[in-house]
Amino acid sequence: MNVKEDQAKEFLAKNHRAVMATIRSDGMPQMSNVAQAYLDGKIEVSTRSASAKVRNLRRDSRVTMLVLGDESWYQYVVVYGTVEIVDLPAAAPELRRIYQFIAGEHQDWNEYDQAMIEEGRVVLRVAIDRIVA
């Protein structure tokens, strides 16, 4: 791993705002604003299972993400990768972990878990193939 890649991964760990691009059935990109957590060498995103991005990723797991600097949108890293979709109930501990990494402790984890079930949340786990900084 080179210095530039190390710096890009440090940037991913500190900045959570991102735009995720998936591939629609007609081949055009579909983009979504997401909050991302860089955990254990992968990007993780919590989202609703009924979302367009999840439908797209179930068909074609390729993804491109533009992770923006929290302080300036002129600072960014682009990530290319493939997504593994983790459904509930297996996703439950990871949904908590993503929340904690981005926002800190929740005041009522039972309430949080119930909300994740009601919203039909999944975890999108991005295996990074390439980083451009």
Protein backbone atom coordinates (compact mmCIF):
# COMPACT_ATOMS: atom_id res chain seq x y z
CA MET A 1 0.00 0.00 0.00
CA ASN A 2 1.40 3.40 -0.91
CA VAL A 3 1.27 6.68 1.03
CA LYS A 4 -1.45 8.13 -1.20
CA GLU A 5 -3.66 5.08 -0.61
CA ASP A 6 -3.03 5.31 3.16
CA GLN A 7 -4.10 8.98 3.08
CA ALA A 8 -7.22 8.11 1.08
CA LYS A 9 -8.23 5.45 3.61
CA GLU A 10 -7.66 7.90 6.46
CA PHE A 11 -9.91 10.36 4.60
CA LEU A 12 -12.62 7.66 4.27
CA ALA A 13 -12.47 7.01 8.02
CA LYS A 14 -12.94 10.69 8.89
CA ASN A 15 -15.56 11.78 6.33
CA HIS A 16 -19.02 10.26 6.10
CA ARG A 17 -20.90 12.12 3.34
CA ALA A 18 -20.96 10.33 0.03
CA VAL A 19 -22.75 9.93 -3.27
CA MET A 20 -23.27 6.29 -4.28
CA ALA A 21 -23.70 5.48 -7.97
CA THR A 22 -25.28 2.19 -8.99
CA ILE A 23 -26.31 0.91 -12.42
CA ARG A 24 -29.98 1.02 -13.40
CA SER A 25 -31.52 -1.72 -15.54
CA ASP A 26 -31.26 0.56 -18.60
CA GLY A 27 -27.50 1.00 -18.01
CA MET A 28 -27.74 4.60 -16.80
CA PRO A 29 -26.30 5.57 -13.40
CA GLN A 30 -28.56 6.08 -10.40
CA MET A 31 -27.07 8.23 -7.64
CA SER A 32 -27.99 8.51 -3.97
CA ASN A 33 -26.69 10.60 -1.11
CA VAL A 34 -25.59 8.29 1.70
CA ALA A 35 -23.71 8.33 4.99
CA GLN A 36 -20.78 5.90 4.92
CA ALA A 37 -18.63 4.28 7.56
CA TYR A 38 -15.17 2.97 6.70
CA LEU A 39 -14.86 -0.16 8.87
CA ASP A 40 -12.34 -2.99 8.65
CA GLY A 41 -11.12 -1.93 5.22
CA LYS A 42 -14.60 -1.72 3.68
CA ILE A 43 -17.22 0.97 3.28
CA GLU A 44 -20.54 0.23 4.96
CA VAL A 45 -23.87 1.96 4.34
CA SER A 46 -27.23 1.52 6.04
CA THR A 47 -30.23 1.85 3.72
CA ARG A 48 -33.78 0.62 3.14
CA SER A 49 -34.07 -2.70 1.32
CA ALA A 50 -36.80 -1.23 -0.92
CA SER A 51 -34.55 1.55 -2.27
CA ALA A 52 -33.58 1.86 -5.92
CA LYS A 53 -29.89 1.42 -5.10
CA VAL A 54 -30.56 -1.94 -3.43
CA ARG A 55 -32.67 -3.14 -6.37
CA ASN A 56 -29.85 -2.09 -8.70
CA LEU A 57 -27.17 -3.76 -6.57
CA ARG A 58 -29.07 -7.04 -6.34
CA ARG A 59 -28.87 -7.14 -10.16
CA ASP A 60 -25.33 -5.70 -10.58
CA SER A 61 -23.08 -5.40 -7.54
CA ARG A 62 -20.71 -2.81 -9.04
CA VAL A 63 -20.64 0.58 -7.35
CA THR A 64 -18.82 3.90 -7.54
CA MET A 65 -18.75 6.23 -4.54
CA LEU A 66 -17.71 9.85 -4.27
CA VAL A 67 -16.84 10.46 -0.61
CA LEU A 68 -16.86 14.17 0.14
CA GLY A 69 -14.94 16.07 2.78
CA ASP A 70 -17.14 17.10 5.70
CA GLU A 71 -15.50 20.54 5.72
CA SER A 72 -15.17 21.15 1.97
CA TRP A 73 -16.78 19.43 -0.98
CA TYR A 74 -13.60 20.21 -2.95
CA GLN A 75 -11.89 17.47 -0.93
CA TYR A 76 -12.97 14.01 -2.05
CA VAL A 77 -12.01 10.42 -2.72
CA VAL A 78 -13.56 8.18 -5.39
CA VAL A 79 -14.02 4.48 -4.63
CA TYR A 80 -14.79 1.72 -7.11
CA GLY A 81 -15.92 -1.62 -5.78
CA THR A 82 -18.50 -4.34 -5.43
CA VAL A 83 -21.25 -4.61 -2.85
CA GLU A 84 -22.34 -7.43 -0.59
CA ILE A 85 -25.89 -6.89 0.72
CA VAL A 86 -26.46 -8.01 4.31
CA ASP A 87 -30.14 -8.44 5.17
CA LEU A 88 -31.79 -8.56 8.60
CA PRO A 89 -31.46 -10.27 10.99
CA ALA A 90 -27.76 -10.73 10.17
CA ALA A 91 -27.42 -6.99 9.54
CA ALA A 92 -28.62 -5.93 13.02
CA PRO A 93 -25.24 -5.76 14.83
CA GLU A 94 -23.61 -4.05 11.85
CA LEU A 95 -26.40 -1.45 11.64
CA ARG A 96 -25.62 -0.52 15.25
CA ARG A 97 -21.89 -0.41 14.50
CA ILE A 98 -22.40 1.92 11.51
CA TYR A 99 -24.57 4.25 13.61
CA GLN A 100 -22.00 4.32 16.42
CA PHE A 101 -19.14 5.05 14.03
CA ILE A 102 -20.96 7.96 12.38
CA ALA A 103 -23.12 9.40 15.18
CA GLY A 104 -21.98 7.93 18.50
CA GLU A 105 -24.15 6.20 21.09
CA HIS A 106 -27.91 5.94 20.68
CA GLN A 107 -30.13 6.78 23.66
CA ASP A 108 -32.26 3.61 23.26
CA TRP A 109 -30.79 0.70 21.30
CA ASN A 110 -34.01 -1.35 21.54
CA GLU A 111 -35.89 1.52 19.90
CA TYR A 112 -33.18 1.78 17.25
CA ASP A 113 -33.29 -1.97 16.50
CA GLN A 114 -37.08 -1.84 16.15
CA ALA A 115 -36.84 1.13 13.77
CA MET A 116 -34.31 -0.77 11.62
CA ILE A 117 -36.73 -3.72 11.39
CA GLU A 118 -39.72 -1.49 10.58
CA GLU A 119 -37.75 0.35 7.89
CA GLY A 120 -36.48 -2.92 6.40
CA ARG A 121 -32.86 -1.85 6.62
CA VAL A 122 -29.92 -3.63 5.04
CA VAL A 123 -26.17 -3.06 5.14
CA LEU A 124 -24.34 -2.41 1.89
CA ARG A 125 -20.75 -3.61 2.39
CA VAL A 126 -18.42 -2.26 -0.30
CA ALA A 127 -15.28 -4.25 -1.05
CA ILE A 128 -12.90 -1.64 -2.46
CA ASP A 129 -11.30 -2.52 -5.78
CA ARG A 130 -9.72 0.87 -6.48
CA ILE A 131 -9.34 4.25 -4.77
CA VAL A 132 -8.68 7.50 -6.61
CA ALA A 133 -7.60 10.45 -4.48
